Amino acid sequence: MPQTLCFVVVPHGTKPQAARKVYWPIEEIENYFNSIKIPKEAIKLNAGTTIGNPSKFISSTLSLVKLHHGKEIYKSYFDHLIKLREYFEKKI
């Protein structure tokens, strides 16, 4: 069974017991994108977001969230993957 990464975030000046665990289901979202056909054409995710190369976007964003897993400042990148998955789920 594959391991799930989980990091403990300890805000500066707090004791480790007060830390909260941050979990992003990276493997789950990666498996989802590997299981569907990714279109080659641009995707208009919403009024302000167009993804020009969906395959490259997924690959580079997954690499980034794997590298920075658990760091709150990078959570928005993981959220972009969630929004893209929701877009595909509505289309299927």
Protein backbone atom coordinates (compact mmCIF):
# COMPACT_ATOMS: atom_id res chain seq x y z
CA MET A 1 0.00 0.00 0.00
CA PRO A 2 1.46 3.42 -0.96
CA GLN A 3 2.41 5.78 1.80
CA THR A 4 0.55 9.03 2.32
CA LEU A 5 2.61 12.08 3.10
CA CYS A 6 1.52 14.13 6.08
CA PHE A 7 3.38 17.10 7.47
CA VAL A 8 3.04 18.80 10.80
CA VAL A 9 2.93 22.59 10.66
CA VAL A 10 4.37 24.25 13.74
CA PRO A 11 3.75 28.02 13.77
CA HIS A 12 6.73 29.99 15.07
CA GLY A 13 6.70 30.23 18.84
CA THR A 14 4.32 27.33 19.47
CA LYS A 15 4.99 23.97 20.97
CA PRO A 16 4.84 20.92 18.66
CA GLN A 17 1.81 19.61 20.59
CA ALA A 18 -0.15 22.66 19.37
CA ALA A 19 0.71 21.97 15.72
CA ARG A 20 -1.94 20.93 13.28
CA LYS A 21 -1.57 18.31 10.60
CA VAL A 22 -2.05 19.44 7.04
CA TYR A 23 -3.06 16.79 4.54
CA TRP A 24 -3.51 17.27 0.81
CA PRO A 25 -4.72 14.12 -0.99
CA ILE A 26 -2.10 14.46 -3.72
CA GLU A 27 -2.06 10.79 -4.66
CA GLU A 28 -5.84 10.78 -5.03
CA ILE A 29 -5.88 13.76 -7.40
CA GLU A 30 -2.89 12.42 -9.33
CA ASN A 31 -4.68 9.09 -9.81
CA TYR A 32 -7.79 10.94 -11.01
CA PHE A 33 -5.87 12.87 -13.69
CA ASN A 34 -4.07 9.69 -14.75
CA SER A 35 -7.42 7.96 -15.21
CA ILE A 36 -8.99 10.45 -17.63
CA LYS A 37 -8.21 11.73 -21.09
CA ILE A 38 -6.76 15.22 -20.78
CA PRO A 39 -7.79 17.48 -23.67
CA LYS A 40 -5.10 19.16 -25.74
CA GLU A 41 -7.06 22.37 -26.28
CA ALA A 42 -7.19 25.27 -23.82
CA ILE A 43 -9.72 25.14 -20.98
CA LYS A 44 -11.57 28.18 -19.71
CA LEU A 45 -11.91 27.30 -16.04
CA ASN A 46 -13.74 30.50 -15.14
CA ALA A 47 -13.99 34.13 -16.26
CA GLY A 48 -10.44 34.89 -15.15
CA THR A 49 -8.64 31.59 -15.66
CA THR A 50 -7.72 29.89 -18.92
CA ILE A 51 -5.39 26.90 -18.93
CA GLY A 52 -3.56 26.91 -22.25
CA ASN A 53 -1.96 23.48 -21.98
CA PRO A 54 -3.94 21.34 -19.48
CA SER A 55 -1.51 18.41 -19.52
CA LYS A 56 1.50 20.61 -18.78
CA PHE A 57 -0.48 22.54 -16.15
CA ILE A 58 -1.39 19.32 -14.33
CA SER A 59 2.15 17.95 -14.50
CA SER A 60 3.88 21.11 -13.30
CA THR A 61 1.32 21.86 -10.59
CA LEU A 62 1.48 18.30 -9.25
CA SER A 63 5.29 18.56 -9.09
CA LEU A 64 5.02 21.82 -7.19
CA VAL A 65 2.50 20.56 -4.62
CA LYS A 66 4.50 17.36 -4.07
CA LEU A 67 7.63 19.40 -3.44
CA HIS A 68 5.88 21.82 -1.07
CA HIS A 69 3.29 19.50 0.46
CA GLY A 70 1.85 20.84 3.69
CA LYS A 71 3.16 24.39 3.26
CA GLU A 72 0.12 26.62 3.58
CA ILE A 73 1.48 29.20 1.13
CA TYR A 74 1.33 26.57 -1.65
CA LYS A 75 -2.19 25.31 -0.89
CA SER A 76 -3.69 27.52 -3.61
CA TYR A 77 -1.82 25.43 -6.21
CA PHE A 78 -3.44 22.28 -4.89
CA ASP A 79 -6.79 24.11 -4.92
CA HIS A 80 -6.30 24.82 -8.63
CA LEU A 81 -6.02 21.08 -9.26
CA ILE A 82 -9.23 20.51 -7.29
CA LYS A 83 -11.04 23.14 -9.38
CA LEU A 84 -9.77 21.56 -12.59
CA ARG A 85 -10.96 18.13 -11.41
CA GLU A 86 -14.39 19.61 -10.65
CA TYR A 87 -14.44 21.12 -14.15
CA PHE A 88 -13.72 17.72 -15.72
CA GLU A 89 -16.28 15.97 -13.50
CA LYS A 90 -18.98 18.35 -14.72
CA LYS A 91 -18.01 17.65 -18.34
CA ILE A 92 -18.10 13.85 -18.02
